[in-house]
Structures are given as C-alpha cells and as structure tokens.
Amino acid sequence: MIAKIETHFQGNLAAIETTGSAMPDDIGVKVMRVFLARFLESEDGAVTVDWVVLTAAIVGLGVAVIGTVSDGALDHSSGLGAHLQAQEIATY
C-alpha cells in the first residue's frame, strides 16, 4: 500500500520529508496534508469560476430580456395574424 502511495505522490513525498511535520508518522496523513496545502494554494479553478459566473449573468440577462419583450411581441404577432386572416386571396 505504501509503495503505491510513494509512486503516486513522488513529488509530495519530497515535500513531506522536508517539512518535518509534528503529525503522527502515518504516510497517508502526511500525503493528505501536502495535498490539501497544494490544493488551497492552487489557482487553477479560478478561471472556471469566472466563466461560470459570466455564463450565469448572460443567461440571467437573456431571461430578463425575454420577459420584457415577450408581451409586446405577442401583441404584434396577434395583430399581424388578424390582419393576414382578413386578407382575401384572389383565385382565378
């Protein structure tokens, strides 16, 4: 089991040996501490969060525009439908 952890977290083990942690001598706990420290320092997901917020804002704006324009569009389409129904088509 420890051999699998060592091969999977080769970079983390070097960091663990240099930190001189006061935690128990359990390799799993040390690997998890290093993983969490690197995760909290990482900024890789920040761009994803930016895109999610931007996309949500665009969707919200689209819903607001549809809500505002839909009543007027329905009124005009009803009037246009009534006008077209009133037209007579000449058949020869």
PDB file of N, CA and C in Angstrom:
ATOM      1  N   MET A   1       0.826  -1.193   0.000  1.00  0.00           N
ATOM      2  CA  MET A   1       0.000   0.000   0.000  1.00  0.00           C
ATOM      3  C   MET A   1       0.873   1.260   0.000  1.00  0.00           C
ATOM      4  N   ILE A   2       1.892   1.278   0.845  1.00  0.00           N
ATOM      5  CA  ILE A   2       2.775   2.445   0.916  1.00  0.00           C
ATOM      6  C   ILE A   2       3.538   2.606  -0.390  1.00  0.00           C
ATOM      7  N   ALA A   3       3.878   1.491  -1.043  1.00  0.00           N
ATOM      8  CA  ALA A   3       4.591   1.578  -2.318  1.00  0.00           C
ATOM      9  C   ALA A   3       3.724   2.269  -3.367  1.00  0.00           C
ATOM     10  N   LYS A   4       2.412   1.979  -3.368  1.00  0.00           N
ATOM     11  CA  LYS A   4       1.510   2.639  -4.310  1.00  0.00           C
ATOM     12  C   LYS A   4       1.453   4.131  -4.039  1.00  0.00           C
ATOM     13  N   ILE A   5       1.362   4.493  -2.774  1.00  0.00           N
ATOM     14  CA  ILE A   5       1.310   5.910  -2.411  1.00  0.00           C
ATOM     15  C   ILE A   5       2.600   6.603  -2.816  1.00  0.00           C
ATOM     16  N   GLU A   6       3.731   5.954  -2.598  1.00  0.00           N
ATOM     17  CA  GLU A   6       5.019   6.551  -2.936  1.00  0.00           C
ATOM     18  C   GLU A   6       5.141   6.781  -4.431  1.00  0.00           C
ATOM     19  N   THR A   7       4.682   5.834  -5.246  1.00  0.00           N
ATOM     20  CA  THR A   7       4.792   6.024  -6.687  1.00  0.00           C
ATOM     21  C   THR A   7       3.784   7.053  -7.187  1.00  0.00           C
ATOM     22  N   HIS A   8       2.635   7.154  -6.551  1.00  0.00           N
ATOM     23  CA  HIS A   8       1.609   8.090  -6.997  1.00  0.00           C
ATOM     24  C   HIS A   8       1.928   9.527  -6.594  1.00  0.00           C
ATOM     25  N   PHE A   9       2.517   9.700  -5.443  1.00  0.00           N
ATOM     26  CA  PHE A   9       2.805  11.042  -4.927  1.00  0.00           C
ATOM     27  C   PHE A   9       4.311  11.272  -4.793  1.00  0.00           C
ATOM     28  N   GLN A  10       5.066  11.052  -5.841  1.00  0.00           N
ATOM     29  CA  GLN A  10       6.520  11.192  -5.760  1.00  0.00           C
ATOM     30  C   GLN A  10       6.923  12.613  -5.398  1.00  0.00           C
ATOM     31  N   GLY A  11       6.300  13.598  -6.012  1.00  0.00           N
ATOM     32  CA  GLY A  11       6.632  14.983  -5.700  1.00  0.00           C
ATOM     33  C   GLY A  11       6.222  15.365  -4.292  1.00  0.00           C
ATOM     34  N   ASN A  12       5.114  14.820  -3.819  1.00  0.00           N
ATOM     35  CA  ASN A  12       4.624  15.145  -2.486  1.00  0.00           C
ATOM     36  C   ASN A  12       5.518  14.562  -1.400  1.00  0.00           C
ATOM     37  N   LEU A  13       6.082  13.390  -1.643  1.00  0.00           N
ATOM     38  CA  LEU A  13       6.910  12.758  -0.618  1.00  0.00           C
ATOM     39  C   LEU A  13       8.161  13.573  -0.336  1.00  0.00           C
ATOM     40  N   ALA A  14       8.745  14.172  -1.370  1.00  0.00           N
ATOM     41  CA  ALA A  14       9.914  15.020  -1.148  1.00  0.00           C
ATOM     42  C   ALA A  14       9.529  16.219  -0.292  1.00  0.00           C
ATOM     43  N   ALA A  15       8.358  16.773  -0.540  1.00  0.00           N
ATOM     44  CA  ALA A  15       7.893  17.907   0.250  1.00  0.00           C
ATOM     45  C   ALA A  15       7.596  17.487   1.683  1.00  0.00           C
ATOM     46  N   ILE A  16       7.092  16.278   1.863  1.00  0.00           N
ATOM     47  CA  ILE A  16       6.782  15.787   3.208  1.00  0.00           C
ATOM     48  C   ILE A  16       8.057  15.635   4.021  1.00  0.00           C
ATOM     49  N   GLU A  17       9.087  15.095   3.402  1.00  0.00           N
ATOM     50  CA  GLU A  17      10.338  14.855   4.134  1.00  0.00           C
ATOM     51  C   GLU A  17      10.988  16.165   4.555  1.00  0.00           C
ATOM     52  N   THR A  18      10.794  17.234   3.788  1.00  0.00           N
ATOM     53  CA  THR A  18      11.442  18.500   4.131  1.00  0.00           C
ATOM     54  C   THR A  18      10.626  19.340   5.111  1.00  0.00           C
ATOM     55  N   THR A  19       9.330  19.037   5.272  1.00  0.00           N
ATOM     56  CA  THR A  19       8.506  19.857   6.163  1.00  0.00           C
ATOM     57  C   THR A  19       8.754  19.558   7.630  1.00  0.00           C
ATOM     58  N   GLY A  20       9.136  18.339   7.968  1.00  0.00           N
ATOM     59  CA  GLY A  20       9.364  17.981   9.361  1.00  0.00           C
ATOM     60  C   GLY A  20       8.107  18.134  10.198  1.00  0.00           C
ATOM     61  N   SER A  21       7.027  17.560   9.728  1.00  0.00           N
ATOM     62  CA  SER A  21       5.729  17.697  10.370  1.00  0.00           C
ATOM     63  C   SER A  21       5.719  17.092  11.768  1.00  0.00           C
ATOM     64  N   ALA A  22       4.910  17.665  12.671  1.00  0.00           N
ATOM     65  CA  ALA A  22       4.743  17.133  14.025  1.00  0.00           C
ATOM     66  C   ALA A  22       3.589  16.149  14.087  1.00  0.00           C
ATOM     67  N   MET A  23       3.002  15.810  12.935  1.00  0.00           N
ATOM     68  CA  MET A  23       1.881  14.869  12.871  1.00  0.00           C
ATOM     69  C   MET A  23       2.398  13.447  13.118  1.00  0.00           C
ATOM     70  N   PRO A  24       1.503  12.515  13.391  1.00  0.00           N
ATOM     71  CA  PRO A  24       1.921  11.114  13.567  1.00  0.00           C
ATOM     72  C   PRO A  24       2.651  10.600  12.329  1.00  0.00           C
ATOM     73  N   ASP A  25       3.428   9.576  12.498  1.00  0.00           N
ATOM     74  CA  ASP A  25       4.262   9.063  11.413  1.00  0.00           C
ATOM     75  C   ASP A  25       3.445   8.186  10.465  1.00  0.00           C
ATOM     76  N   ASP A  26       2.331   8.685  10.001  1.00  0.00           N
ATOM     77  CA  ASP A  26       1.477   7.961   9.069  1.00  0.00           C
ATOM     78  C   ASP A  26       1.602   8.635   7.704  1.00  0.00           C
ATOM     79  N   ILE A  27       2.013   7.878   6.690  1.00  0.00           N
ATOM     80  CA  ILE A  27       2.273   8.440   5.372  1.00  0.00           C
ATOM     81  C   ILE A  27       0.994   9.004   4.752  1.00  0.00           C
ATOM     82  N   GLY A  28      -0.159   8.379   5.030  1.00  0.00           N
ATOM     83  CA  GLY A  28      -1.423   8.859   4.482  1.00  0.00           C
ATOM     84  C   GLY A  28      -1.783  10.238   4.996  1.00  0.00           C
ATOM     85  N   VAL A  29      -1.561  10.471   6.284  1.00  0.00           N
ATOM     86  CA  VAL A  29      -1.867  11.770   6.876  1.00  0.00           C
ATOM     87  C   VAL A  29      -0.945  12.836   6.297  1.00  0.00           C
ATOM     88  N   LYS A  30       0.319  12.501   6.140  1.00  0.00           N
ATOM     89  CA  LYS A  30       1.279  13.466   5.600  1.00  0.00           C
ATOM     90  C   LYS A  30       0.964  13.791   4.137  1.00  0.00           C
ATOM     91  N   VAL A  31       0.634  12.776   3.370  1.00  0.00           N
ATOM     92  CA  VAL A  31       0.305  12.996   1.961  1.00  0.00           C
ATOM     93  C   VAL A  31      -0.946  13.873   1.861  1.00  0.00           C
ATOM     94  N   MET A  32      -1.930  13.616   2.717  1.00  0.00           N
ATOM     95  CA  MET A  32      -3.153  14.406   2.679  1.00  0.00           C
ATOM     96  C   MET A  32      -2.886  15.864   3.068  1.00  0.00           C
ATOM     97  N   ARG A  33      -2.028  16.085   4.046  1.00  0.00           N
ATOM     98  CA  ARG A  33      -1.695  17.458   4.444  1.00  0.00           C
ATOM     99  C   ARG A  33      -1.037  18.214   3.295  1.00  0.00           C
ATOM    100  N   VAL A  34      -0.098  17.559   2.610  1.00  0.00           N
ATOM    101  CA  VAL A  34       0.578  18.205   1.481  1.00  0.00           C
ATOM    102  C   VAL A  34      -0.410  18.439   0.342  1.00  0.00           C
ATOM    103  N   PHE A  35      -1.273  17.454   0.096  1.00  0.00           N
ATOM    104  CA  PHE A  35      -2.277  17.606  -0.963  1.00  0.00           C
ATOM    105  C   PHE A  35      -3.198  18.781  -0.670  1.00  0.00           C
ATOM    106  N   LEU A  36      -3.687  18.891   0.551  1.00  0.00           N
ATOM    107  CA  LEU A  36      -4.580  19.987   0.917  1.00  0.00           C
ATOM    108  C   LEU A  36      -3.866  21.339   0.845  1.00  0.00           C
ATOM    109  N   ALA A  37      -2.611  21.374   1.277  1.00  0.00           N
ATOM    110  CA  ALA A  37      -1.859  22.628   1.209  1.00  0.00           C
ATOM    111  C   ALA A  37      -1.687  23.081  -0.235  1.00  0.00           C
ATOM    112  N   ARG A  38      -1.345  22.146  -1.117  1.00  0.00           N
ATOM    113  CA  ARG A  38      -1.181  22.499  -2.534  1.00  0.00           C
ATOM    114  C   ARG A  38      -2.518  22.855  -3.171  1.00  0.00           C
ATOM    115  N   PHE A  39      -3.579  22.170  -2.763  1.00  0.00           N
ATOM    116  CA  PHE A  39      -4.903  22.466  -3.302  1.00  0.00           C
ATOM    117  C   PHE A  39      -5.340  23.874  -2.924  1.00  0.00           C
ATOM    118  N   LEU A  40      -5.117  24.263  -1.677  1.00  0.00           N
ATOM    119  CA  LEU A  40      -5.534  25.586  -1.218  1.00  0.00           C
ATOM    120  C   LEU A  40      -4.699  26.704  -1.850  1.00  0.00           C
ATOM    121  N   GLU A  41      -3.463  26.409  -2.209  1.00  0.00           N
ATOM    122  CA  GLU A  41      -2.607  27.408  -2.846  1.00  0.00           C
ATOM    123  C   GLU A  41      -2.849  27.496  -4.355  1.00  0.00           C
ATOM    124  N   SER A  42      -3.445  26.474  -4.928  1.00  0.00           N
ATOM    125  CA  SER A  42      -3.656  26.422  -6.372  1.00  0.00           C
ATOM    126  C   SER A  42      -4.724  27.410  -6.804  1.00  0.00           C
ATOM    127  N   GLU A  43      -4.519  28.014  -7.977  1.00  0.00           N
ATOM    128  CA  GLU A  43      -5.489  28.941  -8.541  1.00  0.00           C
ATOM    129  C   GLU A  43      -6.011  28.437  -9.882  1.00  0.00           C
ATOM    130  N   ASP A  44      -5.891  27.140 -10.140  1.00  0.00           N
ATOM    131  CA  ASP A  44      -6.304  26.593 -11.429  1.00  0.00           C
ATOM    132  C   ASP A  44      -7.804  26.694 -11.657  1.00  0.00           C
ATOM    133  N   GLY A  45      -8.617  26.584 -10.626  1.00  0.00           N
ATOM    134  CA  GLY A  45     -10.068  26.603 -10.788  1.00  0.00           C
ATOM    135  C   GLY A  45     -10.655  27.996 -10.854  1.00  0.00           C
ATOM    136  N   ALA A  46      -9.857  29.030 -10.664  1.00  0.00           N
ATOM    137  CA  ALA A  46     -10.375  30.398 -10.643  1.00  0.00           C
ATOM    138  C   ALA A  46     -10.964  30.794 -11.997  1.00  0.00           C
ATOM    139  N   VAL A  47     -10.344  30.366 -13.072  1.00  0.00           N
ATOM    140  CA  VAL A  47     -10.843  30.703 -14.402  1.00  0.00           C
ATOM    141  C   VAL A  47     -12.191  30.031 -14.635  1.00  0.00           C
ATOM    142  N   THR A  48     -12.335  28.810 -14.165  1.00  0.00           N
ATOM    143  CA  THR A  48     -13.603  28.100 -14.309  1.00  0.00           C
ATOM    144  C   THR A  48     -14.716  28.832 -13.570  1.00  0.00           C
ATOM    145  N   VAL A  49     -14.426  29.285 -12.372  1.00  0.00           N
ATOM    146  CA  VAL A  49     -15.419  30.026 -11.596  1.00  0.00           C
ATOM    147  C   VAL A  49     -15.797  31.308 -12.321  1.00  0.00           C
ATOM    148  N   ASP A  50     -14.824  31.995 -12.898  1.00  0.00           N
ATOM    149  CA  ASP A  50     -15.111  33.216 -13.656  1.00  0.00           C
ATOM    150  C   ASP A  50     -16.062  32.930 -14.814  1.00  0.00           C
ATOM    151  N   TRP A  51     -15.808  31.855 -15.548  1.00  0.00           N
ATOM    152  CA  TRP A  51     -16.660  31.520 -16.685  1.00  0.00           C
ATOM    153  C   TRP A  51     -18.056  31.129 -16.237  1.00  0.00           C
ATOM    154  N   VAL A  52     -18.172  30.427 -15.134  1.00  0.00           N
ATOM    155  CA  VAL A  52     -19.495  30.038 -14.630  1.00  0.00           C
ATOM    156  C   VAL A  52     -20.290  31.279 -14.242  1.00  0.00           C
ATOM    157  N   VAL A  53     -19.660  32.214 -13.554  1.00  0.00           N
ATOM    158  CA  VAL A  53     -20.343  33.446 -13.155  1.00  0.00           C
ATOM    159  C   VAL A  53     -20.728  34.263 -14.382  1.00  0.00           C
ATOM    160  N   LEU A  54     -19.836  34.382 -15.345  1.00  0.00           N
ATOM    161  CA  LEU A  54     -20.127  35.132 -16.569  1.00  0.00           C
ATOM    162  C   LEU A  54     -21.271  34.499 -17.342  1.00  0.00           C
ATOM    163  N   THR A  55     -21.267  33.181 -17.470  1.00  0.00           N
ATOM    164  CA  THR A  55     -22.333  32.484 -18.184  1.00  0.00           C
ATOM    165  C   THR A  55     -23.670  32.650 -17.469  1.00  0.00           C
ATOM    166  N   ALA A  56     -23.665  32.559 -16.143  1.00  0.00           N
ATOM    167  CA  ALA A  56     -24.903  32.751 -15.383  1.00  0.00           C
ATOM    168  C   ALA A  56     -25.440  34.166 -15.571  1.00  0.00           C
ATOM    169  N   ALA A  57     -24.565  35.155 -15.619  1.00  0.00           N
ATOM    170  CA  ALA A  57     -25.005  36.533 -15.836  1.00  0.00           C
ATOM    171  C   ALA A  57     -25.616  36.707 -17.222  1.00  0.00           C
ATOM    172  N   ILE A  58     -25.032  36.098 -18.226  1.00  0.00           N
ATOM    173  CA  ILE A  58     -25.560  36.196 -19.588  1.00  0.00           C
ATOM    174  C   ILE A  58     -26.918  35.513 -19.690  1.00  0.00           C
ATOM    175  N   VAL A  59     -27.058  34.347 -19.062  1.00  0.00           N
ATOM    176  CA  VAL A  59     -28.343  33.638 -19.069  1.00  0.00           C
ATOM    177  C   VAL A  59     -29.399  34.471 -18.343  1.00  0.00           C
ATOM    178  N   GLY A  60     -29.035  35.039 -17.208  1.00  0.00           N
ATOM    179  CA  GLY A  60     -29.971  35.894 -16.471  1.00  0.00           C
ATOM    180  C   GLY A  60     -30.408  37.099 -17.283  1.00  0.00           C
ATOM    181  N   LEU A  61     -29.476  37.723 -17.996  1.00  0.00           N
ATOM    182  CA  LEU A  61     -29.802  38.856 -18.853  1.00  0.00           C
ATOM    183  C   LEU A  61     -30.739  38.434 -19.986  1.00  0.00           C
ATOM    184  N   GLY A  62     -30.485  37.269 -20.550  1.00  0.00           N
ATOM    185  CA  GLY A  62     -31.359  36.762 -21.616  1.00  0.00           C
ATOM    186  C   GLY A  62     -32.773  36.515 -21.121  1.00  0.00           C
ATOM    187  N   VAL A  63     -32.917  35.945 -19.931  1.00  0.00           N
ATOM    188  CA  VAL A  63     -34.245  35.705 -19.364  1.00  0.00           C
ATOM    189  C   VAL A  63     -34.954  37.028 -19.101  1.00  0.00           C
ATOM    190  N   ALA A  64     -34.220  38.022 -18.607  1.00  0.00           N
ATOM    191  CA  ALA A  64     -34.820  39.330 -18.353  1.00  0.00           C
ATOM    192  C   ALA A  64     -35.288  39.985 -19.651  1.00  0.00           C
ATOM    193  N   VAL A  65     -34.508  39.880 -20.708  1.00  0.00           N
ATOM    194  CA  VAL A  65     -34.889  40.461 -22.000  1.00  0.00           C
ATOM    195  C   VAL A  65     -36.115  39.755 -22.563  1.00  0.00           C
ATOM    196  N   ILE A  66     -36.147  38.437 -22.489  1.00  0.00           N
ATOM    197  CA  ILE A  66     -37.304  37.687 -22.993  1.00  0.00           C
ATOM    198  C   ILE A  66     -38.561  38.064 -22.217  1.00  0.00           C
ATOM    199  N   GLY A  67     -38.439  38.202 -20.902  1.00  0.00           N
ATOM    200  CA  GLY A  67     -39.588  38.592 -20.091  1.00  0.00           C
ATOM    201  C   GLY A  67     -40.104  39.968 -20.447  1.00  0.00           C
ATOM    202  N   THR A  68     -39.223  40.858 -20.785  1.00  0.00           N
ATOM    203  CA  THR A  68     -39.615  42.226 -21.120  1.00  0.00           C
ATOM    204  C   THR A  68     -40.206  42.321 -22.527  1.00  0.00           C
ATOM    205  N   VAL A  69     -39.644  41.624 -23.470  1.00  0.00           N
ATOM    206  CA  VAL A  69     -40.022  41.762 -24.876  1.00  0.00           C
ATOM    207  C   VAL A  69     -41.189  40.851 -25.261  1.00  0.00           C
ATOM    208  N   SER A  70     -41.412  39.774 -24.532  1.00  0.00           N
ATOM    209  CA  SER A  70     -42.383  38.772 -24.972  1.00  0.00           C
ATOM    210  C   SER A  70     -43.810  39.313 -25.056  1.00  0.00           C
ATOM    211  N   ASP A  71     -44.235  40.161 -24.117  1.00  0.00           N
ATOM    212  CA  ASP A  71     -45.602  40.696 -24.168  1.00  0.00           C
ATOM    213  C   ASP A  71     -45.815  41.544 -25.422  1.00  0.00           C
ATOM    214  N   GLY A  72     -44.889  42.414 -25.716  1.00  0.00           N
ATOM    215  CA  GLY A  72     -45.008  43.247 -26.918  1.00  0.00           C
ATOM    216  C   GLY A  72     -44.972  42.416 -28.188  1.00  0.00           C
ATOM    217  N   ALA A  73     -44.135  41.392 -28.216  1.00  0.00           N
ATOM    218  CA  ALA A  73     -44.037  40.542 -29.398  1.00  0.00           C
ATOM    219  C   ALA A  73     -45.322  39.757 -29.603  1.00  0.00           C
ATOM    220  N   LEU A  74     -45.935  39.290 -28.523  1.00  0.00           N
ATOM    221  CA  LEU A  74     -47.200  38.565 -28.657  1.00  0.00           C
ATOM    222  C   LEU A  74     -48.306  39.485 -29.149  1.00  0.00           C
ATOM    223  N   ASP A  75     -48.343  40.726 -28.677  1.00  0.00           N
ATOM    224  CA  ASP A  75     -49.357  41.678 -29.137  1.00  0.00           C
ATOM    225  C   ASP A  75     -49.216  41.938 -30.633  1.00  0.00           C
ATOM    226  N   HIS A  76     -47.997  42.163 -31.083  1.00  0.00           N
ATOM    227  CA  HIS A  76     -47.766  42.441 -32.508  1.00  0.00           C
ATOM    228  C   HIS A  76     -48.067  41.218 -33.366  1.00  0.00           C
ATOM    229  N   SER A  77     -47.710  40.033 -32.890  1.00  0.00           N
ATOM    230  CA  SER A  77     -47.979  38.829 -33.683  1.00  0.00           C
ATOM    231  C   SER A  77     -49.474  38.547 -33.762  1.00  0.00           C
ATOM    232  N   SER A  78     -50.215  38.851 -32.702  1.00  0.00           N
ATOM    233  CA  SER A  78     -51.678  38.682 -32.751  1.00  0.00           C
ATOM    234  C   SER A  78     -52.296  39.637 -33.759  1.00  0.00           C
ATOM    235  N   GLY A  79     -51.834  40.882 -33.741  1.00  0.00           N
ATOM    236  CA  GLY A  79     -52.333  41.860 -34.716  1.00  0.00           C
ATOM    237  C   GLY A  79     -51.990  41.474 -36.143  1.00  0.00           C
ATOM    238  N   LEU A  80     -50.805  40.964 -36.355  1.00  0.00           N
ATOM    239  CA  LEU A  80     -50.401  40.541 -37.688  1.00  0.00           C
ATOM    240  C   LEU A  80     -51.220  39.347 -38.146  1.00  0.00           C
ATOM    241  N   GLY A  81     -51.483  38.419 -37.242  1.00  0.00           N
ATOM    242  CA  GLY A  81     -52.306  37.258 -37.588  1.00  0.00           C
ATOM    243  C   GLY A  81     -53.718  37.663 -37.973  1.00  0.00           C
ATOM    244  N   ALA A  82     -54.300  38.608 -37.228  1.00  0.00           N
ATOM    245  CA  ALA A  82     -55.648  39.090 -37.561  1.00  0.00           C
ATOM    246  C   ALA A  82     -55.648  39.792 -38.913  1.00  0.00           C
ATOM    247  N   HIS A  83     -54.645  40.561 -39.210  1.00  0.00           N
ATOM    248  CA  HIS A  83     -54.552  41.261 -40.495  1.00  0.00           C
ATOM    249  C   HIS A  83     -54.444  40.260 -41.646  1.00  0.00           C
ATOM    250  N   LEU A  84     -53.624  39.230 -41.468  1.00  0.00           N
ATOM    251  CA  LEU A  84     -53.458  38.238 -42.543  1.00  0.00           C
ATOM    252  C   LEU A  84     -54.726  37.414 -42.742  1.00  0.00           C
ATOM    253  N   GLN A  85     -55.461  37.146 -41.683  1.00  0.00           N
ATOM    254  CA  GLN A  85     -56.704  36.388 -41.835  1.00  0.00           C
ATOM    255  C   GLN A  85     -57.777  37.207 -42.549  1.00  0.00           C
ATOM    256  N   ALA A  86     -57.708  38.507 -42.394  1.00  0.00           N
ATOM    257  CA  ALA A  86     -58.705  39.373 -43.044  1.00  0.00           C
ATOM    258  C   ALA A  86     -58.447  39.515 -44.550  1.00  0.00           C
ATOM    259  N   GLN A  87     -57.302  39.183 -45.010  1.00  0.00           N
ATOM    260  CA  GLN A  87     -56.965  39.312 -46.431  1.00  0.00           C
ATOM    261  C   GLN A  87     -57.675  38.211 -47.226  1.00  0.00           C
ATOM    262  N   GLU A  88     -58.107  38.579 -48.387  1.00  0.00           N
ATOM    263  CA  GLU A  88     -58.711  37.612 -49.278  1.00  0.00           C
ATOM    264  C   GLU A  88     -57.723  37.286 -50.387  1.00  0.00           C
ATOM    265  N   ILE A  89     -57.628  36.042 -50.692  1.00  0.00           N
ATOM    266  CA  ILE A  89     -56.730  35.591 -51.751  1.00  0.00           C
ATOM    267  C   ILE A  89     -57.553  35.433 -53.021  1.00  0.00           C
ATOM    268  N   ALA A  90     -57.126  36.122 -54.041  1.00  0.00           N
ATOM    269  CA  ALA A  90     -57.849  36.057 -55.324  1.00  0.00           C
ATOM    270  C   ALA A  90     -57.472  34.765 -56.036  1.00  0.00           C
ATOM    271  N   THR A  91     -58.477  34.015 -56.352  1.00  0.00           N
ATOM    272  CA  THR A  91     -58.250  32.784 -57.129  1.00  0.00           C
ATOM    273  C   THR A  91     -58.857  32.974 -58.496  1.00  0.00           C
ATOM    274  N   TYR A  92     -58.169  32.739 -59.557  1.00  0.00           N
ATOM    275  CA  TYR A  92     -58.641  32.965 -60.912  1.00  0.00           C
ATOM    276  C   TYR A  92     -58.922  31.665 -61.584  1.00  0.00           C
TER     277      TYR A  92
END
